[in-house]
Protein backbone atom coordinates (compact mmCIF):
# COMPACT_ATOMS: atom_id res chain seq x y z
CA ARG A 1 0.91 11.60 -26.89
CA ARG A 2 -1.96 11.14 -24.44
CA HIS A 3 -2.33 13.32 -21.38
CA ARG A 4 -4.25 12.92 -18.17
CA ARG A 5 -7.36 14.97 -17.64
CA PRO A 6 -6.86 17.71 -15.07
CA ALA A 7 -8.21 16.51 -11.72
CA ARG A 8 -11.55 17.91 -10.63
CA ALA A 9 -12.44 18.76 -7.08
CA VAL A 10 -14.79 16.51 -5.12
CA THR A 11 -18.18 18.20 -4.75
CA GLU A 12 -21.31 16.29 -3.75
CA ALA A 13 -20.90 12.59 -3.12
CA GLY A 14 -21.84 10.00 -5.72
CA ILE A 15 -20.64 7.18 -3.45
CA GLU A 16 -20.24 7.25 0.33
CA VAL A 17 -18.73 4.31 2.22
CA ASP A 18 -18.27 4.33 6.00
CA GLY A 19 -16.72 1.48 8.00
CA LEU A 20 -17.62 -1.19 5.43
CA ARG A 21 -16.91 -4.73 6.61
CA LYS A 22 -17.13 -8.10 4.87
CA ALA A 23 -15.77 -11.52 5.81
CA TYR A 24 -16.04 -14.98 4.30
CA GLY A 25 -15.75 -17.33 7.23
CA ALA A 26 -12.54 -16.53 9.06
CA LYS A 27 -11.16 -14.51 6.15
CA VAL A 28 -11.76 -10.78 6.60
CA VAL A 29 -11.84 -9.11 3.20
CA LEU A 30 -13.06 -5.60 4.10
CA ASP A 31 -12.13 -4.34 7.56
CA GLY A 32 -13.61 -0.86 7.88
CA VAL A 33 -13.41 0.68 4.41
CA ASP A 34 -14.05 4.43 4.23
CA LEU A 35 -14.37 6.07 0.82
CA VAL A 36 -16.10 9.04 -0.81
CA VAL A 37 -16.35 9.40 -4.59
CA GLY A 38 -17.45 12.84 -5.74
CA ALA A 39 -20.35 13.02 -8.16
CA GLY A 40 -19.15 13.34 -11.74
CA THR A 41 -15.56 12.32 -10.93
CA VAL A 42 -13.41 9.24 -11.58
CA THR A 43 -11.83 7.42 -8.64
CA ALA A 44 -9.39 4.56 -9.22
CA LEU A 45 -9.35 1.85 -6.56
CA LEU A 46 -5.93 0.19 -6.44
CA GLY A 47 -4.74 -2.74 -4.39
CA PRO A 48 -2.75 -5.97 -4.55
CA ASN A 49 -4.45 -9.15 -5.72
CA GLY A 50 -6.97 -10.24 -3.11
CA ALA A 51 -7.15 -6.80 -1.50
CA GLY A 52 -10.94 -6.70 -1.79
CA LYS A 53 -11.42 -4.40 -4.79
CA THR A 54 -14.01 -6.61 -6.50
CA THR A 55 -15.77 -7.30 -3.19
CA THR A 56 -16.09 -3.55 -2.66
CA VAL A 57 -17.66 -3.15 -6.11
CA HIS A 58 -20.00 -6.09 -5.50
CA VAL A 59 -21.19 -4.58 -2.22
CA LEU A 60 -21.76 -1.18 -3.80
CA SER A 61 -23.67 -2.72 -6.71
CA THR A 62 -25.85 -4.77 -4.28
CA LEU A 63 -24.49 -8.14 -5.45
CA VAL A 64 -22.99 -8.88 -2.01
CA ARG A 65 -24.45 -7.93 1.36
CA PRO A 66 -21.93 -6.33 3.76
CA ASP A 67 -21.47 -7.55 7.32
CA GLY A 68 -21.19 -4.06 8.78
CA GLY A 69 -20.78 -0.39 8.03
CA THR A 70 -22.81 1.66 5.57
CA ALA A 71 -22.63 2.37 1.85
CA ARG A 72 -24.73 4.81 -0.12
CA VAL A 73 -24.87 5.36 -3.87
CA VAL A 74 -26.44 8.67 -4.97
CA GLY A 75 -27.88 8.85 -1.45
CA HIS A 76 -29.43 5.36 -1.50
CA ASP A 77 -28.41 2.78 1.09
CA VAL A 78 -27.19 -0.42 -0.60
CA VAL A 79 -28.80 -2.66 2.07
CA ARG A 80 -32.08 -0.85 2.76
CA GLU A 81 -32.70 0.46 -0.78
CA PRO A 82 -31.16 -2.06 -3.20
CA ASP A 83 -33.73 -1.47 -5.95
CA ALA A 84 -33.11 2.28 -5.85
CA VAL A 85 -29.36 1.67 -6.08
CA ARG A 86 -29.74 -0.68 -9.04
CA ALA A 87 -31.83 1.93 -10.82
CA VAL A 88 -28.97 4.46 -10.86
CA ILE A 89 -25.91 2.27 -11.48
CA GLY A 90 -24.18 0.37 -14.25
CA LEU A 91 -21.61 -2.39 -13.79
CA THR A 92 -18.99 -3.65 -16.23
CA GLY A 93 -16.90 -6.57 -15.03
CA GLN A 94 -13.68 -8.12 -16.25
CA PHE A 95 -15.33 -10.19 -18.95
CA SER A 96 -17.54 -9.06 -21.80
CA ALA A 97 -21.26 -9.73 -21.27
CA VAL A 98 -22.39 -9.73 -24.89
CA ASP A 99 -24.03 -12.27 -27.19
CA THR A 100 -21.57 -13.21 -29.93
CA LEU A 101 -24.37 -14.46 -32.21
CA LEU A 102 -25.82 -10.95 -32.52
CA THR A 103 -24.51 -7.74 -34.03
CA GLY A 104 -23.48 -4.87 -31.81
CA GLU A 105 -26.69 -3.00 -32.56
CA GLU A 106 -28.79 -6.08 -31.82
CA ASN A 107 -27.05 -6.53 -28.47
CA LEU A 108 -27.87 -2.96 -27.51
CA LEU A 109 -31.49 -3.23 -28.65
CA LEU A 110 -31.86 -6.41 -26.61
CA MET A 111 -30.52 -4.66 -23.52
CA ALA A 112 -32.84 -1.71 -24.15
CA ARG A 113 -35.83 -4.07 -24.24
CA LEU A 114 -34.68 -5.71 -21.01
CA ARG A 115 -34.54 -2.22 -19.49
CA HIS A 116 -38.14 -1.57 -20.67
CA LEU A 117 -37.26 1.45 -22.77
CA GLY A 118 -39.93 0.80 -25.40
CA PRO A 119 -39.30 0.51 -29.17
CA GLN A 120 -38.93 4.20 -30.00
CA ARG A 121 -36.86 5.16 -26.94
CA ALA A 122 -34.71 2.08 -27.47
CA LYS A 123 -33.95 3.05 -31.06
CA VAL A 124 -33.00 6.59 -30.10
CA ARG A 125 -30.88 5.51 -27.13
CA VAL A 126 -29.03 2.83 -29.09
CA ALA A 127 -28.23 5.28 -31.90
CA ALA A 128 -26.85 7.75 -29.35
CA LEU A 129 -24.66 5.14 -27.66
CA LEU A 130 -23.26 3.87 -30.93
CA GLN A 131 -22.25 7.43 -31.72
CA GLN A 132 -20.91 8.18 -28.22
CA LEU A 133 -18.64 5.11 -28.14
CA ASP A 134 -17.60 5.31 -31.79
CA LEU A 135 -19.31 2.06 -32.80
CA VAL A 136 -21.43 3.29 -35.71
CA GLU A 137 -19.25 1.74 -38.43
CA VAL A 138 -19.30 -1.71 -36.81
CA ALA A 139 -22.84 -1.64 -35.41
CA ARG A 140 -24.21 -4.17 -37.90
CA ARG A 141 -21.22 -6.45 -38.01
CA PRO A 142 -21.38 -9.85 -36.26
CA LEU A 143 -19.74 -9.73 -32.86
CA ALA A 144 -17.44 -12.57 -33.90
CA THR A 145 -15.57 -10.02 -36.04
CA TYR A 146 -15.02 -7.54 -33.18
CA SER A 147 -11.62 -6.96 -31.61
CA GLY A 148 -11.20 -7.06 -27.83
CA GLY A 149 -11.36 -3.28 -27.63
CA LEU A 150 -14.55 -3.13 -29.70
CA ARG A 151 -16.20 -5.76 -27.52
CA ARG A 152 -15.30 -3.89 -24.37
CA ARG A 153 -16.65 -0.62 -25.79
CA LEU A 154 -19.87 -2.41 -26.70
CA ASP A 155 -20.01 -3.81 -23.16
CA LEU A 156 -19.71 -0.26 -21.82
CA ALA A 157 -22.47 0.86 -24.18
CA MET A 158 -24.73 -1.90 -22.86
CA THR A 159 -24.03 -0.78 -19.32
CA LEU A 160 -25.04 2.77 -20.27
CA VAL A 161 -28.37 1.90 -21.93
CA ALA A 162 -30.37 2.96 -18.87
CA THR A 163 -28.30 6.17 -18.42
CA PRO A 164 -26.79 5.29 -15.03
CA ARG A 165 -25.57 8.11 -12.82
CA VAL A 166 -22.82 5.90 -11.36
CA ILE A 167 -20.83 3.24 -13.18
CA PHE A 168 -18.54 0.61 -11.70
CA LEU A 169 -15.71 -0.61 -13.94
CA ASP A 170 -14.08 -3.69 -12.42
CA GLU A 171 -10.71 -4.15 -14.14
CA PRO A 172 -12.23 -3.31 -17.54
CA THR A 173 -9.01 -3.68 -19.55
CA THR A 174 -7.81 -7.01 -18.17
CA GLY A 175 -6.54 -9.18 -21.02
CA LEU A 176 -6.71 -6.45 -23.67
CA ASP A 177 -3.83 -5.53 -25.95
CA PRO A 178 -2.33 -2.00 -25.72
CA GLN A 179 -4.43 -0.55 -28.57
CA ALA A 180 -7.63 -1.98 -27.12
CA ARG A 181 -6.76 -0.51 -23.72
CA LEU A 182 -6.38 2.94 -25.28
CA GLU A 183 -9.80 2.56 -26.90
CA VAL A 184 -11.38 1.74 -23.54
CA TRP A 185 -9.57 4.68 -21.93
CA ASP A 186 -11.11 7.00 -24.51
CA ALA A 187 -14.54 5.56 -23.72
CA VAL A 188 -14.04 6.14 -19.98
CA ARG A 189 -12.91 9.71 -20.63
CA ALA A 190 -16.13 10.25 -22.60
CA LEU A 191 -18.15 8.94 -19.65
CA ALA A 192 -16.39 11.31 -17.26
CA ALA A 193 -16.89 14.23 -19.62
CA SER A 194 -20.64 13.50 -19.66
CA GLY A 195 -20.81 13.83 -15.86
CA THR A 196 -21.03 10.15 -14.97
CA THR A 197 -19.53 9.13 -11.62
CA VAL A 198 -16.98 6.35 -12.17
CA LEU A 199 -15.38 3.95 -9.69
CA LEU A 200 -12.63 2.07 -11.52
CA THR A 201 -10.75 -0.90 -10.10
CA THR A 202 -7.51 -1.72 -11.85
CA GLN A 203 -4.16 -3.42 -11.43
CA TYR A 204 -2.62 -1.11 -14.03
CA LEU A 205 -1.04 1.93 -12.41
CA ASP A 206 -0.76 3.81 -15.70
CA GLU A 207 -4.52 3.39 -16.11
CA ALA A 208 -5.11 5.10 -12.79
CA GLU A 209 -2.73 7.90 -13.71
CA GLN A 210 -4.43 8.47 -17.06
CA LEU A 211 -8.06 8.33 -16.00
CA ALA A 212 -8.56 9.13 -12.32
CA ASP A 213 -9.27 12.40 -10.56
CA ARG A 214 -8.48 10.64 -7.28
CA ILE A 215 -6.67 7.41 -6.39
CA ALA A 216 -7.54 5.23 -3.39
CA VAL A 217 -5.29 2.36 -2.25
CA LEU A 218 -6.99 -0.64 -0.62
CA HIS A 219 -4.74 -2.86 1.48
CA THR A 220 -5.35 -5.33 4.32
CA GLY A 221 -9.06 -4.54 4.15
CA ARG A 222 -8.79 -0.76 4.51
CA ILE A 223 -8.22 2.36 2.44
CA ILE A 224 -4.69 3.33 3.44
CA ALA A 225 -4.31 6.32 1.10
CA ASN A 226 -6.73 8.46 -0.88
CA GLY A 227 -6.12 11.62 -2.86
CA THR A 228 -5.07 13.14 -6.14
CA LEU A 229 -1.84 11.89 -7.68
CA ALA A 230 -0.13 15.10 -6.54
CA GLU A 231 -1.40 14.59 -2.98
CA LEU A 232 -0.15 11.00 -2.91
CA LYS A 233 3.27 12.16 -4.10
CA GLU A 234 3.42 14.56 -1.17
CA LEU A 235 3.26 11.56 1.18
CA PHE A 236 6.72 10.53 -0.01
CA PRO A 237 9.27 13.35 -0.21
CA PRO A 238 12.08 12.73 -2.73
CA ALA A 239 14.55 11.70 -0.02
CA THR A 240 12.45 8.62 0.77
CA VAL A 241 12.66 7.08 -2.70
CA GLU A 242 15.55 5.58 -4.56
CA TYR A 243 16.03 8.43 -7.01
CA VAL A 244 16.22 11.52 -4.87
CA GLU A 245 16.43 13.92 -7.80
CA LYS A 246 12.83 13.31 -8.92
CA GLN A 247 9.34 12.93 -7.52
CA PRO A 248 8.19 9.38 -6.76
CA THR A 249 6.22 7.56 -9.42
CA LEU A 250 2.81 6.08 -8.68
CA GLU A 251 4.46 2.65 -8.82
CA GLU A 252 6.97 3.65 -6.11
CA ILE A 253 4.16 5.11 -4.00
CA PHE A 254 2.02 2.01 -4.40
CA LEU A 255 4.85 -0.36 -3.52
CA ALA A 256 5.80 1.71 -0.48
CA LEU A 257 2.22 1.82 0.77
CA THR A 258 1.54 -1.89 0.31
CA LYS A 259 4.91 -3.28 1.38
CA GLU A 260 4.42 -5.84 4.12
CA SER A 261 5.97 -4.86 7.41
């Protein structure tokens, strides 16, 4: 049986977002998003399809320029200091960004060269990542033989080559089978244990429960709730949910928060 990590308190900020706005034509995607992610903690960003989760990640990782508001990553402004932001972050999207013609080790060495680590540093860093993400036994196997979970763990390893202080995981387990999802969860737990700040977007509520210190709900372009799971449960006393004899589940909380009026 797997258990959630005990939530850690927010200390210094790894990510600070204030009044973030983004529109595409007449469609407003982000309408004043406020969010703080404590350094060395995991925050799950939940929201219905189209809520703006990926847009938020793309703004924070400097891929999309916001229309208004401010966003800082490890103290660096994403608009004024994009190079400084890129130097301290890693981004893993919904689809694996690996070369299937290479082995896992070769993929990592290639990324290390792209990050200008140098031959000796690259070798040491790759060996450490293979160990950290439990990929040693498959390191020299062709990627074509990897399962979905192995590929995703390799993708995470590639993201970590440059030792980012903040990592964005945009729906990292989409399309994976249950066993592969558990493998990725273990990898994320290892990241958190090492002190990496993680912002995780997901549509899977159990994923948020298992991995996150804090949960933020994005809806209609704004953060409408943000706190630990226990704090979110306090928003809905038992009498307000269908089964009055128990605390509300995260699913019940999410549905109540995002229900259209």
